[in-house]
Amino acid sequence: MPKISVEIPQELLADLDEHVGDDGKFVNRSDAVRASIRKTLDILDEIDERHGRLTEEEQTASGANTPGGTDGN
């Protein structure tokens, strides 16, 4: 898995850390960041789909127009 480096404000890091660890939702910061990126990309795909900006390949990958996909079938 490739590694990346990002700079984030201390306040955002503190918020992130509240959700990481034994009492948090995520095992570590990397897990939390990956989940946040996935969620953001899913939301952007849904917006693009509503506006007709997804290609057929992207719609298939996102589950649109398939049973149980995001189009409600």
N, C-alpha and C. Protein backbone atom coordinates (compact mmCIF):
# COMPACT_ATOMS: atom_id res chain seq x y z
N MET A 1 0.86 -1.17 0.00
CA MET A 1 0.00 0.00 0.00
C MET A 1 0.90 1.23 0.00
N PRO A 2 0.68 2.15 -0.94
CA PRO A 2 1.50 3.37 -0.98
C PRO A 2 1.29 4.24 0.27
N LYS A 3 2.31 4.94 0.65
CA LYS A 3 2.21 5.89 1.76
C LYS A 3 2.19 7.30 1.21
N ILE A 4 1.41 8.15 1.86
CA ILE A 4 1.37 9.56 1.50
C ILE A 4 1.58 10.38 2.77
N SER A 5 1.89 11.63 2.56
CA SER A 5 2.07 12.54 3.69
C SER A 5 1.15 13.73 3.48
N VAL A 6 0.46 14.12 4.53
CA VAL A 6 -0.43 15.28 4.45
C VAL A 6 -0.20 16.19 5.65
N GLU A 7 -0.45 17.44 5.43
CA GLU A 7 -0.41 18.41 6.53
C GLU A 7 -1.84 18.80 6.84
N ILE A 8 -2.20 18.73 8.13
CA ILE A 8 -3.54 19.12 8.54
C ILE A 8 -3.44 20.02 9.77
N PRO A 9 -4.40 20.90 9.94
CA PRO A 9 -4.39 21.78 11.10
C PRO A 9 -4.48 20.98 12.41
N GLN A 10 -3.87 21.49 13.45
CA GLN A 10 -3.86 20.82 14.76
C GLN A 10 -5.28 20.54 15.25
N GLU A 11 -6.19 21.47 15.03
CA GLU A 11 -7.57 21.30 15.49
C GLU A 11 -8.22 20.08 14.82
N LEU A 12 -7.98 19.91 13.53
CA LEU A 12 -8.53 18.77 12.80
C LEU A 12 -7.89 17.47 13.29
N LEU A 13 -6.60 17.49 13.56
CA LEU A 13 -5.91 16.31 14.08
C LEU A 13 -6.45 15.94 15.45
N ALA A 14 -6.73 16.92 16.28
CA ALA A 14 -7.29 16.66 17.60
C ALA A 14 -8.67 16.01 17.48
N ASP A 15 -9.49 16.51 16.55
CA ASP A 15 -10.81 15.92 16.32
C ASP A 15 -10.66 14.47 15.85
N LEU A 16 -9.74 14.23 14.94
CA LEU A 16 -9.48 12.89 14.43
C LEU A 16 -9.08 11.95 15.57
N ASP A 17 -8.16 12.41 16.41
CA ASP A 17 -7.64 11.60 17.50
C ASP A 17 -8.73 11.20 18.51
N GLU A 18 -9.79 11.99 18.60
CA GLU A 18 -10.89 11.64 19.51
C GLU A 18 -11.58 10.35 19.07
N HIS A 19 -11.44 9.99 17.80
CA HIS A 19 -12.10 8.80 17.25
C HIS A 19 -11.15 7.63 17.06
N VAL A 20 -9.92 7.78 17.52
CA VAL A 20 -8.89 6.74 17.33
C VAL A 20 -8.47 6.17 18.68
N GLY A 21 -8.22 4.87 18.70
CA GLY A 21 -7.71 4.23 19.92
C GLY A 21 -8.71 3.27 20.52
N ASP A 22 -8.43 2.82 21.72
CA ASP A 22 -9.24 1.80 22.39
C ASP A 22 -10.71 2.21 22.54
N ASP A 23 -10.95 3.49 22.81
CA ASP A 23 -12.32 3.96 23.00
C ASP A 23 -12.92 4.55 21.73
N GLY A 24 -12.14 4.57 20.65
CA GLY A 24 -12.60 5.21 19.42
C GLY A 24 -13.14 4.22 18.41
N LYS A 25 -13.56 4.76 17.29
CA LYS A 25 -14.13 3.96 16.21
C LYS A 25 -13.05 3.34 15.33
N PHE A 26 -11.83 3.88 15.37
CA PHE A 26 -10.75 3.44 14.49
C PHE A 26 -9.55 2.98 15.30
N VAL A 27 -8.83 2.02 14.73
CA VAL A 27 -7.66 1.45 15.39
C VAL A 27 -6.51 2.45 15.40
N ASN A 28 -6.34 3.19 14.30
CA ASN A 28 -5.24 4.14 14.20
C ASN A 28 -5.62 5.28 13.26
N ARG A 29 -4.77 6.27 13.16
CA ARG A 29 -5.05 7.42 12.30
C ARG A 29 -5.20 7.03 10.84
N SER A 30 -4.35 6.12 10.39
CA SER A 30 -4.42 5.70 8.99
C SER A 30 -5.78 5.11 8.65
N ASP A 31 -6.29 4.28 9.54
CA ASP A 31 -7.60 3.68 9.34
C ASP A 31 -8.68 4.76 9.27
N ALA A 32 -8.59 5.74 10.15
CA ALA A 32 -9.56 6.83 10.16
C ALA A 32 -9.49 7.67 8.89
N VAL A 33 -8.29 7.96 8.44
CA VAL A 33 -8.12 8.76 7.22
C VAL A 33 -8.63 8.00 6.00
N ARG A 34 -8.31 6.70 5.90
CA ARG A 34 -8.80 5.88 4.78
C ARG A 34 -10.32 5.88 4.75
N ALA A 35 -10.95 5.68 5.91
CA ALA A 35 -12.41 5.65 5.98
C ALA A 35 -13.00 7.00 5.56
N SER A 36 -12.37 8.08 5.99
CA SER A 36 -12.85 9.41 5.63
C SER A 36 -12.73 9.68 4.13
N ILE A 37 -11.64 9.24 3.55
CA ILE A 37 -11.45 9.41 2.10
C ILE A 37 -12.49 8.60 1.34
N ARG A 38 -12.69 7.34 1.75
CA ARG A 38 -13.70 6.50 1.08
C ARG A 38 -15.08 7.16 1.14
N LYS A 39 -15.46 7.63 2.32
CA LYS A 39 -16.77 8.26 2.50
C LYS A 39 -16.91 9.50 1.63
N THR A 40 -15.89 10.32 1.60
CA THR A 40 -15.92 11.53 0.79
C THR A 40 -16.04 11.19 -0.69
N LEU A 41 -15.27 10.20 -1.17
CA LEU A 41 -15.35 9.80 -2.57
C LEU A 41 -16.71 9.22 -2.92
N ASP A 42 -17.30 8.45 -2.00
CA ASP A 42 -18.65 7.92 -2.23
C ASP A 42 -19.67 9.05 -2.36
N ILE A 43 -19.56 10.05 -1.51
CA ILE A 43 -20.47 11.19 -1.57
C ILE A 43 -20.29 11.94 -2.89
N LEU A 44 -19.05 12.16 -3.30
CA LEU A 44 -18.80 12.85 -4.57
C LEU A 44 -19.34 12.05 -5.75
N ASP A 45 -19.20 10.70 -5.72
CA ASP A 45 -19.76 9.86 -6.77
C ASP A 45 -21.28 9.97 -6.82
N GLU A 46 -21.93 10.01 -5.65
CA GLU A 46 -23.39 10.16 -5.61
C GLU A 46 -23.82 11.49 -6.22
N ILE A 47 -23.09 12.55 -5.92
CA ILE A 47 -23.40 13.86 -6.48
C ILE A 47 -23.21 13.84 -7.99
N ASP A 48 -22.09 13.27 -8.45
CA ASP A 48 -21.84 13.18 -9.89
C ASP A 48 -22.91 12.36 -10.59
N GLU A 49 -23.36 11.27 -9.94
CA GLU A 49 -24.40 10.43 -10.54
C GLU A 49 -25.70 11.22 -10.69
N ARG A 50 -26.08 11.97 -9.67
CA ARG A 50 -27.31 12.77 -9.74
C ARG A 50 -27.26 13.79 -10.86
N HIS A 51 -26.07 14.28 -11.16
CA HIS A 51 -25.91 15.30 -12.19
C HIS A 51 -25.50 14.70 -13.53
N GLY A 52 -25.53 13.36 -13.63
CA GLY A 52 -25.22 12.70 -14.88
C GLY A 52 -23.78 12.83 -15.32
N ARG A 53 -22.88 12.93 -14.36
CA ARG A 53 -21.47 13.12 -14.70
C ARG A 53 -20.63 11.86 -14.60
N LEU A 54 -21.26 10.69 -14.33
CA LEU A 54 -20.51 9.45 -14.25
C LEU A 54 -20.58 8.72 -15.59
N THR A 55 -19.47 8.12 -15.98
CA THR A 55 -19.45 7.27 -17.16
C THR A 55 -20.11 5.94 -16.79
N GLU A 56 -20.43 5.12 -17.80
CA GLU A 56 -21.01 3.80 -17.52
C GLU A 56 -20.09 2.97 -16.64
N GLU A 57 -18.79 3.03 -16.92
CA GLU A 57 -17.82 2.27 -16.13
C GLU A 57 -17.83 2.72 -14.67
N GLU A 58 -17.89 4.02 -14.44
CA GLU A 58 -17.92 4.54 -13.07
C GLU A 58 -19.23 4.16 -12.38
N GLN A 59 -20.34 4.17 -13.11
CA GLN A 59 -21.62 3.78 -12.53
C GLN A 59 -21.59 2.33 -12.10
N THR A 60 -21.00 1.46 -12.92
CA THR A 60 -20.87 0.05 -12.58
C THR A 60 -20.01 -0.13 -11.34
N ALA A 61 -18.90 0.58 -11.29
CA ALA A 61 -17.98 0.48 -10.15
C ALA A 61 -18.63 0.97 -8.86
N SER A 62 -19.49 1.99 -8.95
CA SER A 62 -20.10 2.55 -7.75
C SER A 62 -21.35 1.80 -7.32
N GLY A 63 -21.81 0.83 -8.16
CA GLY A 63 -22.99 0.06 -7.80
C GLY A 63 -24.27 0.66 -8.32
N ALA A 64 -24.20 1.74 -9.08
CA ALA A 64 -25.40 2.36 -9.64
C ALA A 64 -25.95 1.47 -10.73
N ASN A 65 -27.27 1.48 -10.86
CA ASN A 65 -27.98 0.71 -11.89
C ASN A 65 -27.79 -0.78 -11.77
N THR A 66 -27.48 -1.26 -10.57
CA THR A 66 -27.38 -2.69 -10.33
C THR A 66 -28.22 -3.02 -9.12
N PRO A 67 -28.72 -4.26 -9.01
CA PRO A 67 -29.52 -4.60 -7.82
C PRO A 67 -28.73 -4.30 -6.55
N GLY A 68 -29.38 -3.60 -5.66
CA GLY A 68 -28.73 -3.22 -4.40
C GLY A 68 -27.81 -2.03 -4.54
N GLY A 69 -27.75 -1.44 -5.74
CA GLY A 69 -26.90 -0.29 -5.98
C GLY A 69 -27.53 0.98 -5.45
N THR A 70 -26.91 2.11 -5.79
CA THR A 70 -27.36 3.37 -5.24
C THR A 70 -28.59 3.93 -5.94
N ASP A 71 -29.11 3.23 -6.99
CA ASP A 71 -30.28 3.76 -7.67
C ASP A 71 -31.59 3.23 -7.09
N GLY A 72 -31.50 2.45 -6.00
CA GLY A 72 -32.69 2.03 -5.29
C GLY A 72 -33.27 0.72 -5.76
N ASN A 73 -32.68 0.04 -6.74
CA ASN A 73 -33.19 -1.27 -7.20
C ASN A 73 -32.89 -2.35 -6.19
